[in-house]
Amino acid sequence: MTALSQPTAIDGYRWLKNDIIRGTYQPDEKLRMSLLTARYALGVGPLREALSQLVAERLVTVVNQKGYRVASMSEAELLDIFDA
């Protein structure tokens, strides 16, 4: 990423996934859009794209009309995700 380029949904996806895996966000923690857009310097659109990909990978869940949360997973579920 150069100084002039804007972070993309792919960048946001990678950064957020890495932070979830490293435990920056705890299981069942609410992911607040305003905090995430500031932390990752992403617009709302790219952030939603990144979150949608993480939902597809079962690392994030959508709470109807309430936003996103880090998924609660057992050790077996985590291993299954990383084996895929």
C-alpha atoms as a PDB file:
ATOM      1  CA  MET A   1       0.000   0.000   0.000  1.00  0.00           C
ATOM      2  CA  THR A   2       1.483   3.338  -1.026  1.00  0.00           C
ATOM      3  CA  ALA A   3       1.031   6.597   0.842  1.00  0.00           C
ATOM      4  CA  LEU A   4      -1.609   7.689  -1.677  1.00  0.00           C
ATOM      5  CA  SER A   5      -3.694   4.520  -1.815  1.00  0.00           C
ATOM      6  CA  GLN A   6      -6.711   3.867   0.359  1.00  0.00           C
ATOM      7  CA  PRO A   7      -7.116   0.622   2.307  1.00  0.00           C
ATOM      8  CA  THR A   8      -9.411  -1.812   0.513  1.00  0.00           C
ATOM      9  CA  ALA A   9     -11.937  -4.376   1.701  1.00  0.00           C
ATOM     10  CA  ILE A  10      -9.231  -7.018   1.213  1.00  0.00           C
ATOM     11  CA  ASP A  11      -6.878  -5.097   3.499  1.00  0.00           C
ATOM     12  CA  GLY A  12      -9.617  -4.721   6.100  1.00  0.00           C
ATOM     13  CA  TYR A  13     -10.477  -8.403   5.854  1.00  0.00           C
ATOM     14  CA  ARG A  14      -6.851  -9.419   6.448  1.00  0.00           C
ATOM     15  CA  TRP A  15      -6.326  -6.990   9.329  1.00  0.00           C
ATOM     16  CA  LEU A  16      -9.582  -7.865  11.075  1.00  0.00           C
ATOM     17  CA  LYS A  17      -9.127 -11.614  10.596  1.00  0.00           C
ATOM     18  CA  ASN A  18      -5.619 -11.399  12.000  1.00  0.00           C
ATOM     19  CA  ASP A  19      -6.868  -9.439  15.019  1.00  0.00           C
ATOM     20  CA  ILE A  20      -9.655 -11.967  15.658  1.00  0.00           C
ATOM     21  CA  ILE A  21      -7.236 -14.895  15.449  1.00  0.00           C
ATOM     22  CA  ARG A  22      -4.728 -13.158  17.741  1.00  0.00           C
ATOM     23  CA  GLY A  23      -7.433 -12.487  20.318  1.00  0.00           C
ATOM     24  CA  THR A  24      -7.607  -8.708  19.969  1.00  0.00           C
ATOM     25  CA  TYR A  25     -11.370  -9.226  19.855  1.00  0.00           C
ATOM     26  CA  GLN A  26     -12.883 -11.787  22.220  1.00  0.00           C
ATOM     27  CA  PRO A  27     -15.533 -14.394  21.319  1.00  0.00           C
ATOM     28  CA  ASP A  28     -19.023 -12.862  21.297  1.00  0.00           C
ATOM     29  CA  GLU A  29     -17.577  -9.322  21.407  1.00  0.00           C
ATOM     30  CA  LYS A  30     -19.630  -6.750  19.516  1.00  0.00           C
ATOM     31  CA  LEU A  31     -17.737  -5.284  16.572  1.00  0.00           C
ATOM     32  CA  ARG A  32     -18.639  -1.599  16.495  1.00  0.00           C
ATOM     33  CA  MET A  33     -18.546  -0.125  13.005  1.00  0.00           C
ATOM     34  CA  SER A  34     -17.423   3.319  14.182  1.00  0.00           C
ATOM     35  CA  LEU A  35     -14.443   1.873  16.049  1.00  0.00           C
ATOM     36  CA  LEU A  36     -13.487  -0.471  13.219  1.00  0.00           C
ATOM     37  CA  THR A  37     -13.631   2.236  10.551  1.00  0.00           C
ATOM     38  CA  ALA A  38     -11.345   4.410  12.676  1.00  0.00           C
ATOM     39  CA  ARG A  39      -8.935   1.611  13.612  1.00  0.00           C
ATOM     40  CA  TYR A  40      -8.482   0.303  10.078  1.00  0.00           C
ATOM     41  CA  ALA A  41      -9.017   3.614   8.209  1.00  0.00           C
ATOM     42  CA  LEU A  42     -11.748   1.995   6.105  1.00  0.00           C
ATOM     43  CA  GLY A  43     -14.996   3.349   4.790  1.00  0.00           C
ATOM     44  CA  VAL A  44     -18.231   1.662   5.820  1.00  0.00           C
ATOM     45  CA  GLY A  45     -18.634  -0.105   2.442  1.00  0.00           C
ATOM     46  CA  PRO A  46     -15.227  -1.817   2.418  1.00  0.00           C
ATOM     47  CA  LEU A  47     -15.626  -2.690   6.098  1.00  0.00           C
ATOM     48  CA  ARG A  48     -18.969  -4.374   5.429  1.00  0.00           C
ATOM     49  CA  GLU A  49     -17.386  -6.330   2.572  1.00  0.00           C
ATOM     50  CA  ALA A  50     -14.615  -7.480   4.910  1.00  0.00           C
ATOM     51  CA  LEU A  51     -17.126  -8.456   7.602  1.00  0.00           C
ATOM     52  CA  SER A  52     -19.238 -10.355   5.051  1.00  0.00           C
ATOM     53  CA  GLN A  53     -16.219 -12.443   4.107  1.00  0.00           C
ATOM     54  CA  LEU A  54     -15.525 -13.158   7.788  1.00  0.00           C
ATOM     55  CA  VAL A  55     -19.170 -14.177   8.244  1.00  0.00           C
ATOM     56  CA  ALA A  56     -18.757 -16.617   5.335  1.00  0.00           C
ATOM     57  CA  GLU A  57     -15.696 -18.039   7.110  1.00  0.00           C
ATOM     58  CA  ARG A  58     -17.650 -18.341  10.385  1.00  0.00           C
ATOM     59  CA  LEU A  59     -15.298 -16.029  12.294  1.00  0.00           C
ATOM     60  CA  VAL A  60     -17.988 -13.353  12.669  1.00  0.00           C
ATOM     61  CA  THR A  61     -21.746 -13.617  13.137  1.00  0.00           C
ATOM     62  CA  VAL A  62     -24.476 -11.194  12.139  1.00  0.00           C
ATOM     63  CA  VAL A  63     -26.941 -10.255  14.864  1.00  0.00           C
ATOM     64  CA  ASN A  64     -30.210  -9.253  13.207  1.00  0.00           C
ATOM     65  CA  GLN A  65     -30.534  -5.442  13.242  1.00  0.00           C
ATOM     66  CA  LYS A  66     -27.758  -5.212  15.870  1.00  0.00           C
ATOM     67  CA  GLY A  67     -24.550  -5.547  13.885  1.00  0.00           C
ATOM     68  CA  TYR A  68     -21.687  -8.005  14.029  1.00  0.00           C
ATOM     69  CA  ARG A  69     -20.062 -10.091  16.757  1.00  0.00           C
ATOM     70  CA  VAL A  70     -16.978 -12.258  16.912  1.00  0.00           C
ATOM     71  CA  ALA A  71     -18.137 -15.863  16.653  1.00  0.00           C
ATOM     72  CA  SER A  72     -17.933 -18.107  19.705  1.00  0.00           C
ATOM     73  CA  MET A  73     -16.175 -21.289  18.648  1.00  0.00           C
ATOM     74  CA  SER A  74     -14.940 -24.461  20.232  1.00  0.00           C
ATOM     75  CA  GLU A  75     -11.379 -25.624  19.688  1.00  0.00           C
ATOM     76  CA  ALA A  76     -12.643 -28.234  17.206  1.00  0.00           C
ATOM     77  CA  GLU A  77     -14.483 -25.566  15.197  1.00  0.00           C
ATOM     78  CA  LEU A  78     -11.365 -23.392  15.080  1.00  0.00           C
ATOM     79  CA  LEU A  79      -9.282 -26.318  13.842  1.00  0.00           C
ATOM     80  CA  ASP A  80     -11.928 -27.071  11.209  1.00  0.00           C
ATOM     81  CA  ILE A  81     -11.751 -23.490   9.909  1.00  0.00           C
ATOM     82  CA  PHE A  82      -7.970 -23.569   9.647  1.00  0.00           C
ATOM     83  CA  ASP A  83      -7.933 -26.991   7.978  1.00  0.00           C
ATOM     84  CA  ALA A  84     -10.285 -25.766   5.236  1.00  0.00           C
END
